[in-house]
C-alpha atoms as a PDB file:
ATOM      1  CA  MET A   1     -14.168 -12.186  43.866  1.00  0.00           C
ATOM      2  CA  LYS A   2     -12.315  -8.987  43.002  1.00  0.00           C
ATOM      3  CA  ILE A   3     -10.780  -8.643  39.543  1.00  0.00           C
ATOM      4  CA  LEU A   4      -8.548  -5.836  38.325  1.00  0.00           C
ATOM      5  CA  MET A   5      -8.635  -5.172  34.583  1.00  0.00           C
ATOM      6  CA  ILE A   6      -5.768  -3.166  33.045  1.00  0.00           C
ATOM      7  CA  LEU A   7      -6.166  -1.135  29.839  1.00  0.00           C
ATOM      8  CA  THR A   8      -3.805   1.066  27.873  1.00  0.00           C
ATOM      9  CA  SER A   9      -3.795   4.867  27.858  1.00  0.00           C
ATOM     10  CA  HIS A  10      -1.796   5.125  24.616  1.00  0.00           C
ATOM     11  CA  ASP A  11      -3.649   6.327  21.511  1.00  0.00           C
ATOM     12  CA  GLN A  12      -0.994   6.868  18.823  1.00  0.00           C
ATOM     13  CA  LEU A  13      -0.077   4.099  16.362  1.00  0.00           C
ATOM     14  CA  GLY A  14       3.635   4.780  16.211  1.00  0.00           C
ATOM     15  CA  THR A  15       4.449   7.570  13.783  1.00  0.00           C
ATOM     16  CA  THR A  16       1.651   6.725  11.346  1.00  0.00           C
ATOM     17  CA  GLY A  17      -0.633   9.520  12.531  1.00  0.00           C
ATOM     18  CA  ARG A  18      -3.350   6.916  13.076  1.00  0.00           C
ATOM     19  CA  LYS A  19      -5.159   6.219  16.334  1.00  0.00           C
ATOM     20  CA  THR A  20      -4.893   3.082  18.438  1.00  0.00           C
ATOM     21  CA  GLY A  21      -5.789   2.067  21.984  1.00  0.00           C
ATOM     22  CA  PHE A  22      -7.500  -0.961  23.510  1.00  0.00           C
ATOM     23  CA  TRP A  23      -9.401  -3.493  21.401  1.00  0.00           C
ATOM     24  CA  LEU A  24     -13.110  -3.413  22.208  1.00  0.00           C
ATOM     25  CA  GLU A  25     -13.794  -7.164  22.045  1.00  0.00           C
ATOM     26  CA  GLU A  26     -10.836  -7.780  24.351  1.00  0.00           C
ATOM     27  CA  PHE A  27     -12.461  -5.570  26.954  1.00  0.00           C
ATOM     28  CA  ALA A  28     -16.120  -6.461  26.449  1.00  0.00           C
ATOM     29  CA  ALA A  29     -15.763 -10.248  26.369  1.00  0.00           C
ATOM     30  CA  PRO A  30     -13.769 -10.549  29.614  1.00  0.00           C
ATOM     31  CA  TYR A  31     -15.702  -7.784  31.359  1.00  0.00           C
ATOM     32  CA  PHE A  32     -19.070  -9.439  30.863  1.00  0.00           C
ATOM     33  CA  THR A  33     -17.633 -12.890  31.530  1.00  0.00           C
ATOM     34  CA  PHE A  34     -16.476 -11.611  34.909  1.00  0.00           C
ATOM     35  CA  LYS A  35     -19.621  -9.642  35.703  1.00  0.00           C
ATOM     36  CA  ASP A  36     -21.898 -12.530  34.760  1.00  0.00           C
ATOM     37  CA  ALA A  37     -19.928 -14.691  37.190  1.00  0.00           C
ATOM     38  CA  GLY A  38     -20.669 -12.263  39.995  1.00  0.00           C
ATOM     39  CA  ALA A  39     -17.189 -10.768  40.206  1.00  0.00           C
ATOM     40  CA  GLU A  40     -16.441  -7.232  41.333  1.00  0.00           C
ATOM     41  CA  VAL A  41     -14.477  -5.559  38.542  1.00  0.00           C
ATOM     42  CA  THR A  42     -12.170  -2.560  38.866  1.00  0.00           C
ATOM     43  CA  ILE A  43     -10.646  -1.030  35.726  1.00  0.00           C
ATOM     44  CA  ALA A  44      -7.319   0.794  35.726  1.00  0.00           C
ATOM     45  CA  SER A  45      -5.117   2.477  33.135  1.00  0.00           C
ATOM     46  CA  PRO A  46      -1.835   4.399  33.346  1.00  0.00           C
ATOM     47  CA  ASN A  47      -3.507   7.811  33.038  1.00  0.00           C
ATOM     48  CA  GLY A  48      -6.878   6.962  34.572  1.00  0.00           C
ATOM     49  CA  GLY A  49     -10.149   8.215  33.152  1.00  0.00           C
ATOM     50  CA  GLN A  50     -11.396   7.201  29.708  1.00  0.00           C
ATOM     51  CA  PRO A  51      -8.914   4.908  27.947  1.00  0.00           C
ATOM     52  CA  PRO A  52      -8.607   5.299  24.167  1.00  0.00           C
ATOM     53  CA  LEU A  53     -10.539   2.868  22.018  1.00  0.00           C
ATOM     54  CA  ASP A  54      -8.863   1.596  18.871  1.00  0.00           C
ATOM     55  CA  PRO A  55     -11.389   2.892  16.326  1.00  0.00           C
ATOM     56  CA  LYS A  56     -10.827  -0.092  14.070  1.00  0.00           C
ATOM     57  CA  SER A  57     -12.064  -2.433  16.792  1.00  0.00           C
ATOM     58  CA  ASN A  58     -15.495  -0.808  16.613  1.00  0.00           C
ATOM     59  CA  GLU A  59     -15.916  -1.304  12.873  1.00  0.00           C
ATOM     60  CA  PRO A  60     -18.807  -3.620  11.899  1.00  0.00           C
ATOM     61  CA  GLU A  61     -16.595  -6.555  10.912  1.00  0.00           C
ATOM     62  CA  PHE A  62     -15.059  -6.665  14.403  1.00  0.00           C
ATOM     63  CA  GLN A  63     -18.222  -6.210  16.435  1.00  0.00           C
ATOM     64  CA  THR A  64     -19.649  -9.118  18.416  1.00  0.00           C
ATOM     65  CA  ASP A  65     -22.708  -9.783  20.537  1.00  0.00           C
ATOM     66  CA  LEU A  66     -20.711  -8.662  23.566  1.00  0.00           C
ATOM     67  CA  THR A  67     -19.476  -5.420  22.002  1.00  0.00           C
ATOM     68  CA  HIS A  68     -23.110  -4.665  21.144  1.00  0.00           C
ATOM     69  CA  ARG A  69     -24.039  -5.481  24.726  1.00  0.00           C
ATOM     70  CA  PHE A  70     -21.434  -2.967  25.882  1.00  0.00           C
ATOM     71  CA  GLU A  71     -23.011  -0.298  23.672  1.00  0.00           C
ATOM     72  CA  ARG A  72     -26.328  -0.883  25.468  1.00  0.00           C
ATOM     73  CA  ASP A  73     -24.899  -1.037  28.993  1.00  0.00           C
ATOM     74  CA  ALA A  74     -24.689   2.392  30.614  1.00  0.00           C
ATOM     75  CA  ASP A  75     -23.043   1.000  33.770  1.00  0.00           C
ATOM     76  CA  ALA A  76     -20.263  -0.652  31.770  1.00  0.00           C
ATOM     77  CA  GLN A  77     -19.685   2.537  29.792  1.00  0.00           C
ATOM     78  CA  ARG A  78     -19.536   4.558  33.000  1.00  0.00           C
ATOM     79  CA  ALA A  79     -17.022   2.135  34.523  1.00  0.00           C
ATOM     80  CA  LEU A  80     -14.826   2.334  31.447  1.00  0.00           C
ATOM     81  CA  ALA A  81     -14.954   6.130  31.384  1.00  0.00           C
ATOM     82  CA  ASN A  82     -13.722   6.332  34.970  1.00  0.00           C
ATOM     83  CA  THR A  83     -10.744   3.989  35.174  1.00  0.00           C
ATOM     84  CA  VAL A  84      -8.486   4.507  38.172  1.00  0.00           C
ATOM     85  CA  GLU A  85      -4.836   5.408  37.757  1.00  0.00           C
ATOM     86  CA  LEU A  86      -2.585   2.371  37.575  1.00  0.00           C
ATOM     87  CA  ARG A  87      -0.120   3.845  40.063  1.00  0.00           C
ATOM     88  CA  THR A  88      -2.816   3.797  42.761  1.00  0.00           C
ATOM     89  CA  VAL A  89      -3.665   0.091  42.619  1.00  0.00           C
ATOM     90  CA  SER A  90      -2.099  -2.855  44.422  1.00  0.00           C
ATOM     91  CA  GLN A  91      -2.450  -6.562  43.833  1.00  0.00           C
ATOM     92  CA  ALA A  92      -3.141  -6.883  47.558  1.00  0.00           C
ATOM     93  CA  ASP A  93      -6.643  -5.525  46.954  1.00  0.00           C
ATOM     94  CA  PHE A  94      -7.564  -8.040  44.238  1.00  0.00           C
ATOM     95  CA  ASP A  95      -7.790 -11.767  43.666  1.00  0.00           C
ATOM     96  CA  THR A  96      -6.482 -11.634  40.099  1.00  0.00           C
ATOM     97  CA  VAL A  97      -5.431  -9.279  37.299  1.00  0.00           C
ATOM     98  CA  PHE A  98      -6.449  -9.316  33.625  1.00  0.00           C
ATOM     99  CA  TYR A  99      -4.680  -7.305  30.909  1.00  0.00           C
ATOM    100  CA  THR A 100      -6.688  -6.272  27.849  1.00  0.00           C
ATOM    101  CA  GLY A 101      -4.888  -5.987  24.514  1.00  0.00           C
ATOM    102  CA  GLY A 102      -4.976  -3.755  21.496  1.00  0.00           C
ATOM    103  CA  HIS A 103      -1.864  -2.178  20.020  1.00  0.00           C
ATOM    104  CA  GLY A 104      -1.736   0.550  22.684  1.00  0.00           C
ATOM    105  CA  PRO A 105      -0.050  -1.625  25.355  1.00  0.00           C
ATOM    106  CA  MET A 106       2.964  -2.030  23.067  1.00  0.00           C
ATOM    107  CA  TRP A 107       3.916   1.562  23.844  1.00  0.00           C
ATOM    108  CA  ASP A 108       2.828   2.261  27.412  1.00  0.00           C
ATOM    109  CA  LEU A 109       2.176  -0.913  29.429  1.00  0.00           C
ATOM    110  CA  ALA A 110       5.266  -2.579  27.986  1.00  0.00           C
ATOM    111  CA  GLU A 111       7.454   0.089  29.625  1.00  0.00           C
ATOM    112  CA  ASP A 112       5.326   1.253  32.567  1.00  0.00           C
ATOM    113  CA  GLU A 113       7.055   0.759  35.935  1.00  0.00           C
ATOM    114  CA  ASP A 114       3.730   0.509  37.770  1.00  0.00           C
ATOM    115  CA  SER A 115       2.602  -2.216  35.379  1.00  0.00           C
ATOM    116  CA  ILE A 116       5.865  -4.111  35.782  1.00  0.00           C
ATOM    117  CA  ARG A 117       5.481  -3.903  39.556  1.00  0.00           C
ATOM    118  CA  LEU A 118       1.884  -5.118  39.381  1.00  0.00           C
ATOM    119  CA  ILE A 119       2.789  -8.103  37.204  1.00  0.00           C
ATOM    120  CA  GLU A 120       5.714  -9.145  39.377  1.00  0.00           C
ATOM    121  CA  THR A 121       3.905  -8.729  42.701  1.00  0.00           C
ATOM    122  CA  THR A 122       0.737 -10.461  41.505  1.00  0.00           C
ATOM    123  CA  LEU A 123       2.566 -13.646  40.606  1.00  0.00           C
ATOM    124  CA  ALA A 124       4.840 -13.373  43.665  1.00  0.00           C
ATOM    125  CA  ALA A 125       1.671 -13.327  45.795  1.00  0.00           C
ATOM    126  CA  ASN A 126       0.527 -16.575  44.145  1.00  0.00           C
ATOM    127  CA  LYS A 127      -2.352 -14.883  42.349  1.00  0.00           C
ATOM    128  CA  PRO A 128      -3.322 -15.612  38.730  1.00  0.00           C
ATOM    129  CA  LEU A 129      -2.426 -13.151  35.993  1.00  0.00           C
ATOM    130  CA  ALA A 130      -3.900 -13.158  32.475  1.00  0.00           C
ATOM    131  CA  LEU A 131      -2.874 -11.156  29.406  1.00  0.00           C
ATOM    132  CA  VAL A 132      -4.334 -11.359  25.899  1.00  0.00           C
ATOM    133  CA  CYS A 133      -3.316 -10.487  22.337  1.00  0.00           C
ATOM    134  CA  HIS A 134      -0.791  -7.586  22.466  1.00  0.00           C
ATOM    135  CA  ALA A 135      -0.988  -7.294  26.253  1.00  0.00           C
ATOM    136  CA  PRO A 136       1.668 -10.023  26.780  1.00  0.00           C
ATOM    137  CA  ALA A 137       4.055  -7.314  25.545  1.00  0.00           C
ATOM    138  CA  ALA A 138       3.750  -5.997  29.103  1.00  0.00           C
ATOM    139  CA  LEU A 139       5.766  -9.024  30.231  1.00  0.00           C
ATOM    140  CA  HIS A 140       8.927  -8.098  28.385  1.00  0.00           C
ATOM    141  CA  ARG A 141      10.561  -6.156  31.243  1.00  0.00           C
ATOM    142  CA  ALA A 142       9.039  -8.178  34.092  1.00  0.00           C
ATOM    143  CA  ARG A 143      11.457 -10.307  36.070  1.00  0.00           C
ATOM    144  CA  ALA A 144      11.185 -13.393  38.233  1.00  0.00           C
ATOM    145  CA  PRO A 145      12.568 -13.282  41.792  1.00  0.00           C
ATOM    146  CA  ASP A 146      15.856 -14.763  40.529  1.00  0.00           C
ATOM    147  CA  GLY A 147      16.307 -11.868  38.107  1.00  0.00           C
ATOM    148  CA  ASN A 148      15.593 -13.838  34.951  1.00  0.00           C
ATOM    149  CA  PRO A 149      12.859 -12.764  32.530  1.00  0.00           C
ATOM    150  CA  LEU A 150       9.539 -13.705  34.051  1.00  0.00           C
ATOM    151  CA  VAL A 151       8.532 -15.697  30.964  1.00  0.00           C
ATOM    152  CA  LYS A 152      11.769 -17.682  30.737  1.00  0.00           C
ATOM    153  CA  GLY A 153      10.883 -21.378  30.574  1.00  0.00           C
ATOM    154  CA  LYS A 154       7.145 -20.663  30.741  1.00  0.00           C
ATOM    155  CA  ARG A 155       4.520 -21.685  28.192  1.00  0.00           C
ATOM    156  CA  VAL A 156       3.068 -18.524  26.658  1.00  0.00           C
ATOM    157  CA  THR A 157       1.254 -17.158  23.644  1.00  0.00           C
ATOM    158  CA  GLY A 158       0.286 -13.758  22.248  1.00  0.00           C
ATOM    159  CA  PHE A 159      -0.365 -11.930  18.997  1.00  0.00           C
ATOM    160  CA  THR A 160       1.658 -13.826  16.426  1.00  0.00           C
ATOM    161  CA  ASN A 161       4.089 -12.532  13.826  1.00  0.00           C
ATOM    162  CA  THR A 162       1.827 -13.714  11.021  1.00  0.00           C
ATOM    163  CA  GLU A 163      -1.162 -11.933  12.547  1.00  0.00           C
ATOM    164  CA  GLU A 164       0.904  -8.745  12.788  1.00  0.00           C
ATOM    165  CA  GLU A 165       1.886  -9.160   9.151  1.00  0.00           C
ATOM    166  CA  ALA A 166      -1.765  -9.603   8.230  1.00  0.00           C
ATOM    167  CA  VAL A 167      -2.666  -6.213   9.733  1.00  0.00           C
ATOM    168  CA  GLN A 168       0.426  -4.680   8.096  1.00  0.00           C
ATOM    169  CA  LEU A 169       1.929  -3.311  11.296  1.00  0.00           C
ATOM    170  CA  THR A 170       5.091  -5.408  11.523  1.00  0.00           C
ATOM    171  CA  HIS A 171       7.273  -2.331  10.936  1.00  0.00           C
ATOM    172  CA  VAL A 172       5.154   0.016  13.057  1.00  0.00           C
ATOM    173  CA  VAL A 173       5.094  -1.695  16.460  1.00  0.00           C
ATOM    174  CA  PRO A 174       8.119  -1.274  18.783  1.00  0.00           C
ATOM    175  CA  PHE A 175       8.680  -5.034  18.721  1.00  0.00           C
ATOM    176  CA  LEU A 176       6.842  -8.198  17.768  1.00  0.00           C
ATOM    177  CA  VAL A 177       5.106  -9.952  20.652  1.00  0.00           C
ATOM    178  CA  GLU A 178       5.935 -13.458  19.445  1.00  0.00           C
ATOM    179  CA  THR A 179       9.558 -12.642  18.680  1.00  0.00           C
ATOM    180  CA  GLU A 180      10.071 -10.906  22.014  1.00  0.00           C
ATOM    181  CA  LEU A 181       8.513 -13.660  24.119  1.00  0.00           C
ATOM    182  CA  ARG A 182      10.684 -16.214  22.342  1.00  0.00           C
ATOM    183  CA  ARG A 183      13.790 -14.041  22.818  1.00  0.00           C
ATOM    184  CA  LEU A 184      13.114 -13.892  26.545  1.00  0.00           C
ATOM    185  CA  GLY A 185      13.007 -17.678  26.754  1.00  0.00           C
ATOM    186  CA  GLY A 186       9.272 -18.185  26.652  1.00  0.00           C
ATOM    187  CA  ILE A 187       7.966 -21.464  25.210  1.00  0.00           C
ATOM    188  CA  PHE A 188       5.681 -19.916  22.619  1.00  0.00           C
ATOM    189  CA  SER A 189       2.788 -21.768  21.013  1.00  0.00           C
ATOM    190  CA  LYS A 190       0.059 -20.633  18.640  1.00  0.00           C
ATOM    191  CA  ALA A 191      -3.030 -21.684  16.772  1.00  0.00           C
ATOM    192  CA  ASP A 192      -3.904 -20.678  13.233  1.00  0.00           C
ATOM    193  CA  ASP A 193      -4.264 -16.939  12.745  1.00  0.00           C
ATOM    194  CA  TRP A 194      -7.370 -15.459  14.426  1.00  0.00           C
ATOM    195  CA  GLN A 195      -8.333 -18.752  16.096  1.00  0.00           C
ATOM    196  CA  PRO A 196      -8.796 -18.904  19.884  1.00  0.00           C
ATOM    197  CA  HIS A 197      -5.759 -20.134  21.770  1.00  0.00           C
ATOM    198  CA  VAL A 198      -5.175 -19.861  25.520  1.00  0.00           C
ATOM    199  CA  VAL A 199      -2.099 -21.117  27.329  1.00  0.00           C
ATOM    200  CA  ARG A 200      -1.731 -21.659  31.052  1.00  0.00           C
ATOM    201  CA  ASP A 201       1.553 -22.152  32.861  1.00  0.00           C
ATOM    202  CA  GLY A 202       0.939 -22.248  36.577  1.00  0.00           C
ATOM    203  CA  LEU A 203      -0.733 -18.948  37.465  1.00  0.00           C
ATOM    204  CA  LEU A 204       0.190 -17.231  34.197  1.00  0.00           C
ATOM    205  CA  LEU A 205      -2.457 -17.287  31.461  1.00  0.00           C
ATOM    206  CA  THR A 206      -1.987 -15.796  27.995  1.00  0.00           C
ATOM    207  CA  GLY A 207      -4.311 -15.545  24.993  1.00  0.00           C
ATOM    208  CA  GLN A 208      -3.272 -15.241  21.366  1.00  0.00           C
ATOM    209  CA  ASN A 209      -5.695 -12.753  19.818  1.00  0.00           C
ATOM    210  CA  PRO A 210      -9.108 -11.043  20.208  1.00  0.00           C
ATOM    211  CA  ALA A 211     -10.958 -14.346  19.800  1.00  0.00           C
ATOM    212  CA  SER A 212      -8.983 -15.652  22.790  1.00  0.00           C
ATOM    213  CA  SER A 213     -10.085 -12.924  25.195  1.00  0.00           C
ATOM    214  CA  GLY A 214     -13.357 -14.537  26.276  1.00  0.00           C
ATOM    215  CA  PRO A 215     -11.825 -18.009  26.642  1.00  0.00           C
ATOM    216  CA  ALA A 216      -8.909 -16.525  28.612  1.00  0.00           C
ATOM    217  CA  ALA A 217     -11.325 -14.829  30.980  1.00  0.00           C
ATOM    218  CA  GLN A 218     -13.205 -18.091  31.461  1.00  0.00           C
ATOM    219  CA  ALA A 219      -9.950 -19.955  32.055  1.00  0.00           C
ATOM    220  CA  LEU A 220      -9.123 -17.416  34.740  1.00  0.00           C
ATOM    221  CA  LEU A 221     -12.502 -17.905  36.399  1.00  0.00           C
ATOM    222  CA  ASP A 222     -12.069 -21.664  36.297  1.00  0.00           C
ATOM    223  CA  LEU A 223      -9.231 -21.257  38.783  1.00  0.00           C
ATOM    224  CA  PHE A 224     -11.691 -19.679  41.221  1.00  0.00           C
ATOM    225  CA  LYS A 225     -14.832 -21.768  40.737  1.00  0.00           C
ATOM    226  CA  PRO A 226     -15.045 -22.748  44.411  1.00  0.00           C
ATOM    227  CA  MET A 227     -15.032 -19.045  45.350  1.00  0.00           C
ATOM    228  CA  ILE A 228     -17.712 -17.809  42.959  1.00  0.00           C
ATOM    229  CA  SER A 229     -21.455 -18.007  43.380  1.00  0.00           C
ATOM    230  CA  VAL A 230     -22.895 -18.120  39.873  1.00  0.00           C
END
């Protein structure tokens, strides 16, 4: 099984002067879930190379067993440091695509034409697509074949307005994930703040927050159980 993981290349938190990027747990949990299942994982980002890590995600209170495992895994670190450029990848070469969150995607993946193309062609090819936390922001310009927003009428989730308020970035991000998905016609659901919540609608899977990244990865694998030798 071949899985393409997409990470952000954006490292500036709006005009705050603070750094952002991808959220470590949202990379580590899915990455090791996929690798432990025997999948072949390719990592891509808009700029290629080393994607920026949100420094806050590596603070002690946000570390997990899997983020610690990443710190000990030289192969995983090497793979992350050498992501391929997003413009060079095609869904045709993969069985599924997984988007990692963090605040970075709000600025680059949300507007990136290569990302929009990848999202639209993946689902059009009847392949599963998963996005977690802030990564569902990348859906806001994607369109269905009929020209409507891709999420219109679909069950979705993502980082909630109350979670954004809790981290005090409501007025920093370009838009609110929950508000935008609702505006586009998505049927948005959520769990309590910071609790795992994964939603599947056909081949589209979305996760609410960092705690949802591992469960979202497992939900994606569950679609392929007959294909995977564990």
